[in-house]
Amino acid sequence: MKKTILLLFVIFSFSLNAQELWFDAGIKGAWGPTLLINNNAMSESYLNQQVNTGFGYGAKFAINFGYIHGFTFDLMMNSAHQSYEVTDVKYTPVDVKWKTYDLYVLYRLYRTINYMEIGPKFSKVASFRNNDVDSKQFYIDSYPSAVLGFGWYVFGNKAFTGTLGIRIEYAFNDILSQEGKDNGYPVNPYKTEPYENYATTNPLIAQLSFELNWGLGYFAKTACGERKHFFSF
């Protein structure tokens, strides 16, 4: 609650100082490599961690203050994948797939045709499957991530634009539940017992994203001293 109030206060402060306040909305897609960072799994003698890819799609809404500062709110459905090959036939390979509903709350700094974005992502777990078996109970229900991204305009005008970007996302929270820790996840069924020296499991995602944005309108003064009026693009 405190974080929400702080965010609203920051947005309100920007809006008071901005000469022009404008809004846009859009649709977006993303694709790129996904990894589960777990030091124990990465050190396993007979496991080879693979670099797999995931994808996402969703919508965004942005509040922009002039042409330098902005806040974007993305609602995405993301699918991720992590597999482990084995070098000994006595052991079982592991294939982990998971889906999340994600809310991104990002500050954007615009510079001519480029931008930088930073902020949190809040993930609600939709599903986890280890070797195509439901394993959601072995992972936590939700977790935050830190997001850093860069992008640039590809085409468009004031009312319609296409942008291309790169985002790197890392979850600082351990995503395993206590039951998952006790049963060797995330590499179950390769391992079904807890590790002697426990290591956290943290998703790392790097994605190429593409947006199509439509300008909704803006607030601006028509003359000195007048109140701001809303204009559509």
C-alpha atoms as a PDB file:
ATOM      1  CA  MET A   1       0.000   0.000   0.000  1.00  0.00           C
ATOM      2  CA  LYS A   2       2.823   2.402   0.895  1.00  0.00           C
ATOM      3  CA  LYS A   3       4.544   1.700  -2.436  1.00  0.00           C
ATOM      4  CA  THR A   4       1.296   2.417  -4.326  1.00  0.00           C
ATOM      5  CA  ILE A   5       0.836   5.734  -2.486  1.00  0.00           C
ATOM      6  CA  LEU A   6       4.459   6.684  -3.201  1.00  0.00           C
ATOM      7  CA  LEU A   7       4.052   5.877  -6.904  1.00  0.00           C
ATOM      8  CA  LEU A   8       0.868   7.944  -7.141  1.00  0.00           C
ATOM      9  CA  PHE A   9       2.626  10.834  -5.380  1.00  0.00           C
ATOM     10  CA  VAL A  10       5.546  10.700  -7.841  1.00  0.00           C
ATOM     11  CA  ILE A  11       3.198  10.630 -10.834  1.00  0.00           C
ATOM     12  CA  PHE A  12       1.179  13.537  -9.392  1.00  0.00           C
ATOM     13  CA  SER A  13       4.377  15.568  -8.854  1.00  0.00           C
ATOM     14  CA  PHE A  14       5.437  14.993 -12.468  1.00  0.00           C
ATOM     15  CA  SER A  15       1.985  16.019 -13.723  1.00  0.00           C
ATOM     16  CA  LEU A  16       2.077  19.316 -11.832  1.00  0.00           C
ATOM     17  CA  ASN A  17       5.401  20.303 -13.386  1.00  0.00           C
ATOM     18  CA  ALA A  18       4.761  19.060 -16.920  1.00  0.00           C
ATOM     19  CA  GLN A  19       3.776  21.572 -19.569  1.00  0.00           C
ATOM     20  CA  GLU A  20       2.035  18.814 -21.485  1.00  0.00           C
ATOM     21  CA  LEU A  21       0.582  15.570 -20.153  1.00  0.00           C
ATOM     22  CA  TRP A  22      -0.200  12.913 -22.751  1.00  0.00           C
ATOM     23  CA  PHE A  23      -1.340   9.292 -22.850  1.00  0.00           C
ATOM     24  CA  ASP A  24      -0.843   6.337 -25.136  1.00  0.00           C
ATOM     25  CA  ALA A  25      -1.826   2.675 -25.163  1.00  0.00           C
ATOM     26  CA  GLY A  26      -0.668  -0.276 -27.190  1.00  0.00           C
ATOM     27  CA  ILE A  27      -0.105  -3.957 -27.687  1.00  0.00           C
ATOM     28  CA  LYS A  28       3.217  -5.739 -27.407  1.00  0.00           C
ATOM     29  CA  GLY A  29       5.027  -9.005 -27.784  1.00  0.00           C
ATOM     30  CA  ALA A  30       8.345 -10.306 -26.439  1.00  0.00           C
ATOM     31  CA  TRP A  31      10.715 -13.205 -27.056  1.00  0.00           C
ATOM     32  CA  GLY A  32      14.101 -14.242 -25.700  1.00  0.00           C
ATOM     33  CA  PRO A  33      16.212 -16.547 -23.502  1.00  0.00           C
ATOM     34  CA  THR A  34      14.980 -17.658 -20.061  1.00  0.00           C
ATOM     35  CA  LEU A  35      17.087 -19.209 -17.286  1.00  0.00           C
ATOM     36  CA  LEU A  36      16.666 -20.504 -13.750  1.00  0.00           C
ATOM     37  CA  ILE A  37      19.682 -19.463 -11.691  1.00  0.00           C
ATOM     38  CA  ASN A  38      20.395 -22.121  -9.057  1.00  0.00           C
ATOM     39  CA  ASN A  39      24.008 -22.717  -8.041  1.00  0.00           C
ATOM     40  CA  ASN A  40      23.390 -26.302  -6.939  1.00  0.00           C
ATOM     41  CA  ALA A  41      21.757 -27.290 -10.217  1.00  0.00           C
ATOM     42  CA  MET A  42      24.468 -25.528 -12.204  1.00  0.00           C
ATOM     43  CA  SER A  43      27.116 -27.531 -10.305  1.00  0.00           C
ATOM     44  CA  GLU A  44      25.499 -30.954 -10.788  1.00  0.00           C
ATOM     45  CA  SER A  45      27.963 -33.411 -12.356  1.00  0.00           C
ATOM     46  CA  TYR A  46      25.526 -35.082 -14.740  1.00  0.00           C
ATOM     47  CA  LEU A  47      23.306 -32.105 -15.629  1.00  0.00           C
ATOM     48  CA  ASN A  48      23.936 -29.702 -18.486  1.00  0.00           C
ATOM     49  CA  GLN A  49      21.798 -26.575 -18.201  1.00  0.00           C
ATOM     50  CA  GLN A  50      20.428 -25.450 -21.562  1.00  0.00           C
ATOM     51  CA  VAL A  51      19.620 -21.956 -22.778  1.00  0.00           C
ATOM     52  CA  ASN A  52      15.939 -22.021 -23.694  1.00  0.00           C
ATOM     53  CA  THR A  53      13.592 -19.305 -24.872  1.00  0.00           C
ATOM     54  CA  GLY A  54      10.221 -17.963 -23.823  1.00  0.00           C
ATOM     55  CA  PHE A  55       7.709 -15.465 -25.135  1.00  0.00           C
ATOM     56  CA  GLY A  56       5.062 -13.053 -23.925  1.00  0.00           C
ATOM     57  CA  TYR A  57       2.241 -10.864 -25.165  1.00  0.00           C
ATOM     58  CA  GLY A  58      -0.015  -8.234 -23.682  1.00  0.00           C
ATOM     59  CA  ALA A  59      -1.008  -4.584 -23.546  1.00  0.00           C
ATOM     60  CA  LYS A  60       0.380  -1.346 -22.144  1.00  0.00           C
ATOM     61  CA  PHE A  61      -0.781   2.052 -20.968  1.00  0.00           C
ATOM     62  CA  ALA A  62       1.547   5.028 -20.548  1.00  0.00           C
ATOM     63  CA  ILE A  63       1.389   8.422 -18.868  1.00  0.00           C
ATOM     64  CA  ASN A  64       3.957  10.828 -20.327  1.00  0.00           C
ATOM     65  CA  PHE A  65       5.086  14.176 -18.969  1.00  0.00           C
ATOM     66  CA  GLY A  66       6.257  16.277 -21.877  1.00  0.00           C
ATOM     67  CA  TYR A  67       8.617  14.321 -24.108  1.00  0.00           C
ATOM     68  CA  ILE A  68      11.258  13.298 -21.569  1.00  0.00           C
ATOM     69  CA  HIS A  69       9.608  11.472 -18.668  1.00  0.00           C
ATOM     70  CA  GLY A  70       6.934   8.797 -18.549  1.00  0.00           C
ATOM     71  CA  PHE A  71       5.490   5.849 -16.661  1.00  0.00           C
ATOM     72  CA  THR A  72       4.353   2.679 -18.426  1.00  0.00           C
ATOM     73  CA  PHE A  73       2.049  -0.026 -17.093  1.00  0.00           C
ATOM     74  CA  ASP A  74       2.311  -3.320 -18.974  1.00  0.00           C
ATOM     75  CA  LEU A  75       0.065  -6.316 -18.391  1.00  0.00           C
ATOM     76  CA  MET A  76       1.655  -9.405 -19.942  1.00  0.00           C
ATOM     77  CA  MET A  77       1.166 -13.157 -20.145  1.00  0.00           C
ATOM     78  CA  ASN A  78       4.660 -14.697 -20.214  1.00  0.00           C
ATOM     79  CA  SER A  79       5.775 -18.281 -20.880  1.00  0.00           C
ATOM     80  CA  ALA A  80       9.272 -19.435 -19.886  1.00  0.00           C
ATOM     81  CA  HIS A  81      11.316 -22.621 -20.288  1.00  0.00           C
ATOM     82  CA  GLN A  82      14.356 -24.237 -18.678  1.00  0.00           C
ATOM     83  CA  SER A  83      15.689 -27.680 -19.594  1.00  0.00           C
ATOM     84  CA  TYR A  84      18.592 -29.778 -18.289  1.00  0.00           C
ATOM     85  CA  GLU A  85      20.203 -32.539 -20.325  1.00  0.00           C
ATOM     86  CA  VAL A  86      21.914 -35.499 -18.612  1.00  0.00           C
ATOM     87  CA  THR A  87      25.252 -37.105 -19.437  1.00  0.00           C
ATOM     88  CA  ASP A  88      24.442 -40.441 -17.777  1.00  0.00           C
ATOM     89  CA  VAL A  89      21.452 -42.561 -18.804  1.00  0.00           C
ATOM     90  CA  LYS A  90      20.924 -43.585 -15.154  1.00  0.00           C
ATOM     91  CA  TYR A  91      19.558 -40.110 -14.479  1.00  0.00           C
ATOM     92  CA  THR A  92      16.387 -38.389 -15.673  1.00  0.00           C
ATOM     93  CA  PRO A  93      16.649 -35.160 -17.677  1.00  0.00           C
ATOM     94  CA  VAL A  94      14.584 -32.215 -16.482  1.00  0.00           C
ATOM     95  CA  ASP A  95      12.289 -29.905 -18.423  1.00  0.00           C
ATOM     96  CA  VAL A  96      10.688 -26.975 -16.555  1.00  0.00           C
ATOM     97  CA  LYS A  97       8.010 -24.770 -18.099  1.00  0.00           C
ATOM     98  CA  TRP A  98       6.129 -22.010 -16.360  1.00  0.00           C
ATOM     99  CA  LYS A  99       3.641 -19.251 -17.134  1.00  0.00           C
ATOM    100  CA  THR A 100       3.026 -16.012 -15.282  1.00  0.00           C
ATOM    101  CA  TYR A 101       0.686 -13.031 -15.388  1.00  0.00           C
ATOM    102  CA  ASP A 102       2.952  -9.999 -15.086  1.00  0.00           C
ATOM    103  CA  LEU A 103       2.395  -6.353 -14.214  1.00  0.00           C
ATOM    104  CA  TYR A 104       5.263  -4.016 -15.134  1.00  0.00           C
ATOM    105  CA  VAL A 105       5.423  -0.557 -13.526  1.00  0.00           C
ATOM    106  CA  LEU A 106       8.313   1.213 -15.243  1.00  0.00           C
ATOM    107  CA  TYR A 107       9.747   4.703 -15.387  1.00  0.00           C
ATOM    108  CA  ARG A 108      10.845   5.723 -18.885  1.00  0.00           C
ATOM    109  CA  LEU A 109      13.410   8.361 -19.749  1.00  0.00           C
ATOM    110  CA  TYR A 110      13.116   9.462 -23.376  1.00  0.00           C
ATOM    111  CA  ARG A 111      16.026  10.814 -25.408  1.00  0.00           C
ATOM    112  CA  THR A 112      15.133  11.778 -29.005  1.00  0.00           C
ATOM    113  CA  ILE A 113      14.270   8.420 -30.638  1.00  0.00           C
ATOM    114  CA  ASN A 114      15.631   6.264 -27.782  1.00  0.00           C
ATOM    115  CA  TYR A 115      14.495   5.459 -24.260  1.00  0.00           C
ATOM    116  CA  MET A 116      15.649   3.775 -21.073  1.00  0.00           C
ATOM    117  CA  GLU A 117      13.233   2.113 -18.633  1.00  0.00           C
ATOM    118  CA  ILE A 118      13.582   0.797 -15.108  1.00  0.00           C
ATOM    119  CA  GLY A 119      11.271  -0.476 -12.390  1.00  0.00           C
ATOM    120  CA  PRO A 120       9.600  -3.524 -10.837  1.00  0.00           C
ATOM    121  CA  LYS A 121       7.640  -6.417 -12.310  1.00  0.00           C
ATOM    122  CA  PHE A 122       5.065  -8.277 -10.230  1.00  0.00           C
ATOM    123  CA  SER A 123       4.446 -11.883 -11.307  1.00  0.00           C
ATOM    124  CA  LYS A 124       1.471 -14.082 -10.465  1.00  0.00           C
ATOM    125  CA  VAL A 125       2.209 -17.737 -11.229  1.00  0.00           C
ATOM    126  CA  ALA A 126      -0.294 -19.342 -13.608  1.00  0.00           C
ATOM    127  CA  SER A 127       1.417 -22.733 -13.900  1.00  0.00           C
ATOM    128  CA  PHE A 128       4.622 -24.714 -13.379  1.00  0.00           C
ATOM    129  CA  ARG A 129       5.304 -28.082 -14.979  1.00  0.00           C
ATOM    130  CA  ASN A 130       8.343 -30.310 -14.426  1.00  0.00           C
ATOM    131  CA  ASN A 131       8.636 -32.940 -17.181  1.00  0.00           C
ATOM    132  CA  ASP A 132       5.058 -32.114 -18.182  1.00  0.00           C
ATOM    133  CA  VAL A 133       3.705 -32.898 -14.692  1.00  0.00           C
ATOM    134  CA  ASP A 134       1.914 -30.198 -12.686  1.00  0.00           C
ATOM    135  CA  SER A 135       4.423 -28.911 -10.110  1.00  0.00           C
ATOM    136  CA  LYS A 136       2.876 -25.561  -9.142  1.00  0.00           C
ATOM    137  CA  GLN A 137       2.698 -26.556  -5.442  1.00  0.00           C
ATOM    138  CA  PHE A 138       6.496 -26.686  -5.309  1.00  0.00           C
ATOM    139  CA  TYR A 139       6.850 -23.019  -6.270  1.00  0.00           C
ATOM    140  CA  ILE A 140       5.585 -19.820  -4.673  1.00  0.00           C
ATOM    141  CA  ASP A 141       2.427 -18.137  -5.974  1.00  0.00           C
ATOM    142  CA  SER A 142       3.896 -14.716  -6.762  1.00  0.00           C
ATOM    143  CA  TYR A 143       7.188 -12.851  -6.782  1.00  0.00           C
ATOM    144  CA  PRO A 144       8.695  -9.486  -7.835  1.00  0.00           C
ATOM    145  CA  SER A 145      11.517  -8.858 -10.298  1.00  0.00           C
ATOM    146  CA  ALA A 146      13.737  -5.922 -11.189  1.00  0.00           C
ATOM    147  CA  VAL A 147      13.536  -4.763 -14.809  1.00  0.00           C
ATOM    148  CA  LEU A 148      16.003  -2.751 -16.893  1.00  0.00           C
ATOM    149  CA  GLY A 149      15.327  -1.999 -20.531  1.00  0.00           C
ATOM    150  CA  PHE A 150      16.370   0.037 -23.537  1.00  0.00           C
ATOM    151  CA  GLY A 151      14.549   0.761 -26.769  1.00  0.00           C
ATOM    152  CA  TRP A 152      14.179   2.942 -29.810  1.00  0.00           C
ATOM    153  CA  TYR A 153      11.522   4.101 -32.242  1.00  0.00           C
ATOM    154  CA  VAL A 154      11.271   2.147 -35.476  1.00  0.00           C
ATOM    155  CA  PHE A 155       8.496   4.028 -37.272  1.00  0.00           C
ATOM    156  CA  GLY A 156       5.442   6.192 -36.742  1.00  0.00           C
ATOM    157  CA  ASN A 157       4.304   9.693 -35.906  1.00  0.00           C
ATOM    158  CA  LYS A 158       2.784  11.499 -32.956  1.00  0.00           C
ATOM    159  CA  ALA A 159      -0.407   9.408 -32.992  1.00  0.00           C
ATOM    160  CA  PHE A 160       1.003   5.969 -33.892  1.00  0.00           C
ATOM    161  CA  THR A 161       4.448   4.447 -33.295  1.00  0.00           C
ATOM    162  CA  GLY A 162       6.288   1.159 -33.426  1.00  0.00           C
ATOM    163  CA  THR A 163       9.168   0.569 -31.008  1.00  0.00           C
ATOM    164  CA  LEU A 164      11.752  -2.147 -30.530  1.00  0.00           C
ATOM    165  CA  GLY A 165      13.425  -2.797 -27.195  1.00  0.00           C
ATOM    166  CA  ILE A 166      15.463  -5.094 -24.973  1.00  0.00           C
ATOM    167  CA  ARG A 167      14.510  -5.961 -21.399  1.00  0.00           C
ATOM    168  CA  ILE A 168      16.494  -7.790 -18.728  1.00  0.00           C
ATOM    169  CA  GLU A 169      14.513  -9.134 -15.759  1.00  0.00           C
ATOM    170  CA  TYR A 170      15.809 -10.775 -12.578  1.00  0.00           C
ATOM    171  CA  ALA A 171      13.792 -12.091  -9.629  1.00  0.00           C
ATOM    172  CA  PHE A 172      15.687 -11.519  -6.378  1.00  0.00           C
ATOM    173  CA  ASN A 173      13.229 -13.709  -4.445  1.00  0.00           C
ATOM    174  CA  ASP A 174      13.629 -17.475  -4.220  1.00  0.00           C
ATOM    175  CA  ILE A 175      10.708 -18.940  -6.204  1.00  0.00           C
ATOM    176  CA  LEU A 176      10.629 -22.356  -4.468  1.00  0.00           C
ATOM    177  CA  SER A 177       8.080 -23.188  -1.776  1.00  0.00           C
ATOM    178  CA  GLN A 178       9.194 -25.102   1.306  1.00  0.00           C
ATOM    179  CA  GLU A 179       7.828 -28.288  -0.269  1.00  0.00           C
ATOM    180  CA  GLY A 180       9.886 -27.578  -3.359  1.00  0.00           C
ATOM    181  CA  LYS A 181      13.042 -27.125  -1.286  1.00  0.00           C
ATOM    182  CA  ASP A 182      12.403 -30.461   0.438  1.00  0.00           C
ATOM    183  CA  ASN A 183      11.985 -32.358  -2.843  1.00  0.00           C
ATOM    184  CA  GLY A 184      14.987 -31.264  -4.905  1.00  0.00           C
ATOM    185  CA  TYR A 185      13.312 -28.667  -7.119  1.00  0.00           C
ATOM    186  CA  PRO A 186      13.799 -27.116  -9.598  1.00  0.00           C
ATOM    187  CA  VAL A 187      15.629 -30.226 -10.934  1.00  0.00           C
ATOM    188  CA  ASN A 188      13.134 -32.823  -9.755  1.00  0.00           C
ATOM    189  CA  PRO A 189      12.857 -35.675 -10.917  1.00  0.00           C
ATOM    190  CA  TYR A 190      16.652 -35.727 -11.412  1.00  0.00           C
ATOM    191  CA  LYS A 191      16.886 -35.054  -7.671  1.00  0.00           C
ATOM    192  CA  THR A 192      14.091 -35.844  -5.211  1.00  0.00           C
ATOM    193  CA  GLU A 193      15.769 -34.898  -1.908  1.00  0.00           C
ATOM    194  CA  PRO A 194      16.846 -31.524  -0.481  1.00  0.00           C
ATOM    195  CA  TYR A 195      20.353 -30.240  -1.129  1.00  0.00           C
ATOM    196  CA  GLU A 196      22.703 -30.276   1.842  1.00  0.00           C
ATOM    197  CA  ASN A 197      23.710 -26.676   1.161  1.00  0.00           C
ATOM    198  CA  TYR A 198      20.606 -24.931  -0.077  1.00  0.00           C
ATOM    199  CA  ALA A 199      20.777 -22.442  -2.974  1.00  0.00           C
ATOM    200  CA  THR A 200      17.965 -20.151  -4.100  1.00  0.00           C
ATOM    201  CA  THR A 201      16.251 -20.403  -7.482  1.00  0.00           C
ATOM    202  CA  ASN A 202      15.888 -17.102  -9.340  1.00  0.00           C
ATOM    203  CA  PRO A 203      14.492 -16.580 -12.862  1.00  0.00           C
ATOM    204  CA  LEU A 204      16.609 -14.501 -15.261  1.00  0.00           C
ATOM    205  CA  ILE A 205      14.950 -13.372 -18.478  1.00  0.00           C
ATOM    206  CA  ALA A 206      16.281 -11.308 -21.391  1.00  0.00           C
ATOM    207  CA  GLN A 207      13.748 -10.442 -24.077  1.00  0.00           C
ATOM    208  CA  LEU A 208      13.457  -8.588 -27.328  1.00  0.00           C
ATOM    209  CA  SER A 209      10.171  -6.662 -27.219  1.00  0.00           C
ATOM    210  CA  PHE A 210       8.087  -4.943 -29.882  1.00  0.00           C
ATOM    211  CA  GLU A 211       5.323  -2.394 -29.264  1.00  0.00           C
ATOM    212  CA  LEU A 212       2.602  -0.832 -31.372  1.00  0.00           C
ATOM    213  CA  ASN A 213       1.404   2.340 -29.645  1.00  0.00           C
ATOM    214  CA  TRP A 214      -1.578   4.596 -30.272  1.00  0.00           C
ATOM    215  CA  GLY A 215      -1.732   8.126 -28.898  1.00  0.00           C
ATOM    216  CA  LEU A 216      -4.936   8.667 -26.911  1.00  0.00           C
ATOM    217  CA  GLY A 217      -4.686  12.408 -26.295  1.00  0.00           C
ATOM    218  CA  TYR A 218      -3.070  15.047 -24.121  1.00  0.00           C
ATOM    219  CA  PHE A 219      -3.702  17.833 -21.645  1.00  0.00           C
ATOM    220  CA  ALA A 220      -2.240  21.216 -22.565  1.00  0.00           C
ATOM    221  CA  LYS A 221      -2.876  24.917 -22.081  1.00  0.00           C
ATOM    222  CA  THR A 222      -4.251  26.852 -25.046  1.00  0.00           C
ATOM    223  CA  ALA A 223      -3.035  30.200 -23.690  1.00  0.00           C
ATOM    224  CA  CYS A 224      -1.042  31.596 -20.794  1.00  0.00           C
ATOM    225  CA  GLY A 225      -2.907  31.334 -17.514  1.00  0.00           C
ATOM    226  CA  GLU A 226      -5.670  29.095 -18.806  1.00  0.00           C
ATOM    227  CA  ARG A 227      -6.491  25.717 -17.335  1.00  0.00           C
ATOM    228  CA  LYS A 228      -5.329  22.618 -19.203  1.00  0.00           C
ATOM    229  CA  HIS A 229      -7.720  21.070 -21.708  1.00  0.00           C
ATOM    230  CA  PHE A 230      -7.768  17.566 -23.133  1.00  0.00           C
ATOM    231  CA  PHE A 231      -7.104  17.168 -26.847  1.00  0.00           C
ATOM    232  CA  SER A 232      -7.251  13.938 -28.846  1.00  0.00           C
ATOM    233  CA  PHE A 233      -4.613  13.141 -31.457  1.00  0.00           C
END
